[in-house]
């Protein structure tokens, strides 16, 4: 990598921004007017490319936290599963907060109580918390 390898990489992926669609119902303009069915597919392709790039920047033993503000499975678990299929056993999915990290996980445990677990991550919905939608998946580089 050009700048070296990193212990942790945050991928805050550009997405369909479903939160903006939810806000439109409360008077915010433009959200639904700019939405189209192809947006999810094109976002998922871009997110996948960004995740592959992030994989080249994280060192062995390092971690990627992949996040979106999308509700679409295609932009969330779909991207992560496609990535895992491509990289083989070089990465593995981990819980958002792993054992041995208790000092970093105090607030995260409360946060996770409001999350819906997905196949490889967690989805936070605005009806269960003061934020969202938000998706997270934690990936560890092992090979």
C-alpha atoms as a PDB file:
ATOM      1  CA  UNK A   1       0.000   0.000   0.000  1.00  0.00           C
ATOM      2  CA  UNK A   2       1.173   3.500  -0.741  1.00  0.00           C
ATOM      3  CA  UNK A   3       0.989   4.732   2.854  1.00  0.00           C
ATOM      4  CA  UNK A   4       1.544   1.427   4.621  1.00  0.00           C
ATOM      5  CA  UNK A   5      -0.910  -0.903   6.247  1.00  0.00           C
ATOM      6  CA  UNK A   6      -3.416   0.075   8.904  1.00  0.00           C
ATOM      7  CA  UNK A   7      -4.692  -1.643  12.061  1.00  0.00           C
ATOM      8  CA  UNK A   8      -8.256  -0.461  11.417  1.00  0.00           C
ATOM      9  CA  UNK A   9     -10.114   0.889   8.409  1.00  0.00           C
ATOM     10  CA  UNK A  10     -13.585   2.426   8.547  1.00  0.00           C
ATOM     11  CA  UNK A  11     -15.602   2.135   5.362  1.00  0.00           C
ATOM     12  CA  UNK A  12     -18.484   4.590   5.649  1.00  0.00           C
ATOM     13  CA  UNK A  13     -19.799   3.614   2.248  1.00  0.00           C
ATOM     14  CA  UNK A  14     -21.834   5.948   0.070  1.00  0.00           C
ATOM     15  CA  UNK A  15     -25.301   4.436  -0.057  1.00  0.00           C
ATOM     16  CA  UNK A  16     -28.934   5.034  -0.928  1.00  0.00           C
ATOM     17  CA  UNK A  17     -29.255   7.141   2.248  1.00  0.00           C
ATOM     18  CA  UNK A  18     -32.593   5.733   3.326  1.00  0.00           C
ATOM     19  CA  UNK A  19     -32.594   8.080   6.311  1.00  0.00           C
ATOM     20  CA  UNK A  20     -33.158  10.939   3.887  1.00  0.00           C
ATOM     21  CA  UNK A  21     -36.181   9.142   2.457  1.00  0.00           C
ATOM     22  CA  UNK A  22     -37.605   8.748   5.948  1.00  0.00           C
ATOM     23  CA  UNK A  23     -37.034  12.425   6.661  1.00  0.00           C
ATOM     24  CA  UNK A  24     -38.870  13.430   3.486  1.00  0.00           C
ATOM     25  CA  UNK A  25     -42.065  12.281   5.124  1.00  0.00           C
ATOM     26  CA  UNK A  26     -41.354  14.903   7.776  1.00  0.00           C
ATOM     27  CA  UNK A  27     -40.991  17.723   5.260  1.00  0.00           C
ATOM     28  CA  UNK A  28     -37.420  17.363   3.988  1.00  0.00           C
ATOM     29  CA  UNK A  29     -37.384  17.834   0.195  1.00  0.00           C
ATOM     30  CA  UNK A  30     -35.805  15.829  -2.615  1.00  0.00           C
ATOM     31  CA  UNK A  31     -35.290  12.354  -1.087  1.00  0.00           C
ATOM     32  CA  UNK A  32     -37.885  10.296  -2.913  1.00  0.00           C
ATOM     33  CA  UNK A  33     -37.745  12.509  -6.010  1.00  0.00           C
ATOM     34  CA  UNK A  34     -34.149  11.367  -6.661  1.00  0.00           C
ATOM     35  CA  UNK A  35     -34.618   7.692  -5.836  1.00  0.00           C
ATOM     36  CA  UNK A  36     -34.626   5.129  -8.660  1.00  0.00           C
ATOM     37  CA  UNK A  37     -34.554   1.339  -8.660  1.00  0.00           C
ATOM     38  CA  UNK A  38     -31.062   1.255 -10.190  1.00  0.00           C
ATOM     39  CA  UNK A  39     -29.605   3.295  -7.328  1.00  0.00           C
ATOM     40  CA  UNK A  40     -29.337   0.315  -4.983  1.00  0.00           C
ATOM     41  CA  UNK A  41     -27.569  -1.816  -7.594  1.00  0.00           C
ATOM     42  CA  UNK A  42     -25.085   0.876  -8.605  1.00  0.00           C
ATOM     43  CA  UNK A  43     -24.405   1.728  -4.952  1.00  0.00           C
ATOM     44  CA  UNK A  44     -23.769  -1.933  -4.133  1.00  0.00           C
ATOM     45  CA  UNK A  45     -21.244  -2.168  -6.974  1.00  0.00           C
ATOM     46  CA  UNK A  46     -19.422   0.967  -5.792  1.00  0.00           C
ATOM     47  CA  UNK A  47     -19.509  -0.215  -2.155  1.00  0.00           C
ATOM     48  CA  UNK A  48     -18.018  -3.561  -3.153  1.00  0.00           C
ATOM     49  CA  UNK A  49     -15.170  -1.809  -4.997  1.00  0.00           C
ATOM     50  CA  UNK A  50     -14.495   0.411  -1.962  1.00  0.00           C
ATOM     51  CA  UNK A  51     -14.472  -2.626   0.342  1.00  0.00           C
ATOM     52  CA  UNK A  52     -11.969  -4.395  -1.937  1.00  0.00           C
ATOM     53  CA  UNK A  53      -9.771  -1.283  -1.832  1.00  0.00           C
ATOM     54  CA  UNK A  54     -10.006  -1.168   1.980  1.00  0.00           C
ATOM     55  CA  UNK A  55      -8.888  -4.803   2.100  1.00  0.00           C
ATOM     56  CA  UNK A  56      -5.578  -3.815   0.498  1.00  0.00           C
ATOM     57  CA  UNK A  57      -4.987  -1.146   3.170  1.00  0.00           C
ATOM     58  CA  UNK A  58      -5.518  -3.196   6.324  1.00  0.00           C
ATOM     59  CA  UNK A  59      -2.667  -5.286   7.707  1.00  0.00           C
ATOM     60  CA  UNK A  60      -2.918  -8.944   8.686  1.00  0.00           C
ATOM     61  CA  UNK A  61      -4.758  -9.080  12.002  1.00  0.00           C
ATOM     62  CA  UNK A  62      -6.335  -5.712  11.231  1.00  0.00           C
ATOM     63  CA  UNK A  63     -10.028  -4.922  11.052  1.00  0.00           C
ATOM     64  CA  UNK A  64     -12.461  -3.271   8.631  1.00  0.00           C
ATOM     65  CA  UNK A  65     -15.713  -1.828   9.921  1.00  0.00           C
ATOM     66  CA  UNK A  66     -18.104  -1.606   6.962  1.00  0.00           C
ATOM     67  CA  UNK A  67     -21.036   0.793   7.478  1.00  0.00           C
ATOM     68  CA  UNK A  68     -23.951   2.140   5.460  1.00  0.00           C
ATOM     69  CA  UNK A  69     -27.142   4.068   6.170  1.00  0.00           C
ATOM     70  CA  UNK A  70     -29.110   1.805   3.825  1.00  0.00           C
ATOM     71  CA  UNK A  71     -31.972  -0.584   4.465  1.00  0.00           C
ATOM     72  CA  UNK A  72     -31.400  -2.630   1.296  1.00  0.00           C
ATOM     73  CA  UNK A  73     -29.865  -6.044   1.964  1.00  0.00           C
ATOM     74  CA  UNK A  74     -28.068  -5.716  -1.379  1.00  0.00           C
ATOM     75  CA  UNK A  75     -26.053  -2.753   0.013  1.00  0.00           C
ATOM     76  CA  UNK A  76     -25.410  -4.421   3.378  1.00  0.00           C
ATOM     77  CA  UNK A  77     -25.006  -8.184   3.784  1.00  0.00           C
ATOM     78  CA  UNK A  78     -25.062  -8.517  -0.012  1.00  0.00           C
ATOM     79  CA  UNK A  79     -21.873  -6.458  -0.406  1.00  0.00           C
ATOM     80  CA  UNK A  80     -20.146  -8.167   2.521  1.00  0.00           C
ATOM     81  CA  UNK A  81     -21.049 -11.675   1.303  1.00  0.00           C
ATOM     82  CA  UNK A  82     -19.821 -10.879  -2.225  1.00  0.00           C
ATOM     83  CA  UNK A  83     -16.594  -9.525  -0.708  1.00  0.00           C
ATOM     84  CA  UNK A  84     -16.110 -12.630   1.464  1.00  0.00           C
ATOM     85  CA  UNK A  85     -16.663 -14.876  -1.546  1.00  0.00           C
ATOM     86  CA  UNK A  86     -13.997 -12.953  -3.494  1.00  0.00           C
ATOM     87  CA  UNK A  87     -11.332 -12.825  -0.747  1.00  0.00           C
ATOM     88  CA  UNK A  88     -11.810 -16.401   0.411  1.00  0.00           C
ATOM     89  CA  UNK A  89     -10.410 -17.119   3.856  1.00  0.00           C
ATOM     90  CA  UNK A  90      -8.356 -13.898   3.994  1.00  0.00           C
ATOM     91  CA  UNK A  91     -11.126 -12.224   6.031  1.00  0.00           C
ATOM     92  CA  UNK A  92     -13.617 -13.449   8.593  1.00  0.00           C
ATOM     93  CA  UNK A  93     -16.704 -11.863  10.109  1.00  0.00           C
ATOM     94  CA  UNK A  94     -16.498 -10.912  13.796  1.00  0.00           C
ATOM     95  CA  UNK A  95     -19.052  -9.627  16.262  1.00  0.00           C
ATOM     96  CA  UNK A  96     -19.181  -5.825  16.336  1.00  0.00           C
ATOM     97  CA  UNK A  97     -17.705  -6.027  19.827  1.00  0.00           C
ATOM     98  CA  UNK A  98     -15.351  -8.976  20.436  1.00  0.00           C
ATOM     99  CA  UNK A  99     -14.283 -10.596  23.672  1.00  0.00           C
ATOM    100  CA  UNK A 100     -11.086  -9.127  25.048  1.00  0.00           C
ATOM    101  CA  UNK A 101     -12.214  -5.618  24.088  1.00  0.00           C
ATOM    102  CA  UNK A 102     -14.518  -4.969  27.007  1.00  0.00           C
ATOM    103  CA  UNK A 103     -12.916  -1.589  27.715  1.00  0.00           C
ATOM    104  CA  UNK A 104     -14.011  -0.418  24.256  1.00  0.00           C
ATOM    105  CA  UNK A 105     -17.392  -2.119  24.263  1.00  0.00           C
ATOM    106  CA  UNK A 106     -19.277  -0.615  27.191  1.00  0.00           C
ATOM    107  CA  UNK A 107     -21.371   1.772  25.087  1.00  0.00           C
ATOM    108  CA  UNK A 108     -21.469  -0.600  22.135  1.00  0.00           C
ATOM    109  CA  UNK A 109     -23.343  -3.242  24.143  1.00  0.00           C
ATOM    110  CA  UNK A 110     -26.178  -0.767  24.807  1.00  0.00           C
ATOM    111  CA  UNK A 111     -26.135   0.192  21.138  1.00  0.00           C
ATOM    112  CA  UNK A 112     -26.283  -3.452  20.024  1.00  0.00           C
ATOM    113  CA  UNK A 113     -29.362  -4.065  22.178  1.00  0.00           C
ATOM    114  CA  UNK A 114     -31.366  -2.021  19.662  1.00  0.00           C
ATOM    115  CA  UNK A 115     -29.917  -3.788  16.585  1.00  0.00           C
ATOM    116  CA  UNK A 116     -31.361  -6.521  14.411  1.00  0.00           C
ATOM    117  CA  UNK A 117     -28.697  -9.124  13.725  1.00  0.00           C
ATOM    118  CA  UNK A 118     -28.279  -9.975  10.054  1.00  0.00           C
ATOM    119  CA  UNK A 119     -26.391 -12.886   8.501  1.00  0.00           C
ATOM    120  CA  UNK A 120     -23.041 -11.061   8.782  1.00  0.00           C
ATOM    121  CA  UNK A 121     -23.714  -7.745  10.523  1.00  0.00           C
ATOM    122  CA  UNK A 122     -26.195  -5.641  12.432  1.00  0.00           C
ATOM    123  CA  UNK A 123     -28.951  -3.300  11.250  1.00  0.00           C
ATOM    124  CA  UNK A 124     -30.151  -0.429  13.410  1.00  0.00           C
ATOM    125  CA  UNK A 125     -33.658   0.794  12.631  1.00  0.00           C
ATOM    126  CA  UNK A 126     -34.968   4.248  13.537  1.00  0.00           C
ATOM    127  CA  UNK A 127     -38.068   2.867  15.260  1.00  0.00           C
ATOM    128  CA  UNK A 128     -35.860   1.201  17.910  1.00  0.00           C
ATOM    129  CA  UNK A 129     -33.244   3.880  18.463  1.00  0.00           C
ATOM    130  CA  UNK A 130     -32.741   7.604  18.057  1.00  0.00           C
ATOM    131  CA  UNK A 131     -30.793   7.067  14.831  1.00  0.00           C
ATOM    132  CA  UNK A 132     -30.752   4.833  11.796  1.00  0.00           C
ATOM    133  CA  UNK A 133     -31.094   3.195   9.527  1.00  0.00           C
ATOM    134  CA  UNK A 134     -27.509   2.120   9.953  1.00  0.00           C
ATOM    135  CA  UNK A 135     -25.753  -1.131   9.088  1.00  0.00           C
ATOM    136  CA  UNK A 136     -22.400  -2.412  10.390  1.00  0.00           C
ATOM    137  CA  UNK A 137     -20.250  -5.453   9.699  1.00  0.00           C
ATOM    138  CA  UNK A 138     -16.842  -6.117  11.235  1.00  0.00           C
ATOM    139  CA  UNK A 139     -14.271  -8.006   9.176  1.00  0.00           C
ATOM    140  CA  UNK A 140     -10.888  -9.266  10.428  1.00  0.00           C
ATOM    141  CA  UNK A 141      -7.997  -9.908   8.010  1.00  0.00           C
ATOM    142  CA  UNK A 142      -6.612 -13.306   8.942  1.00  0.00           C
ATOM    143  CA  UNK A 143      -4.683 -14.341   5.858  1.00  0.00           C
END
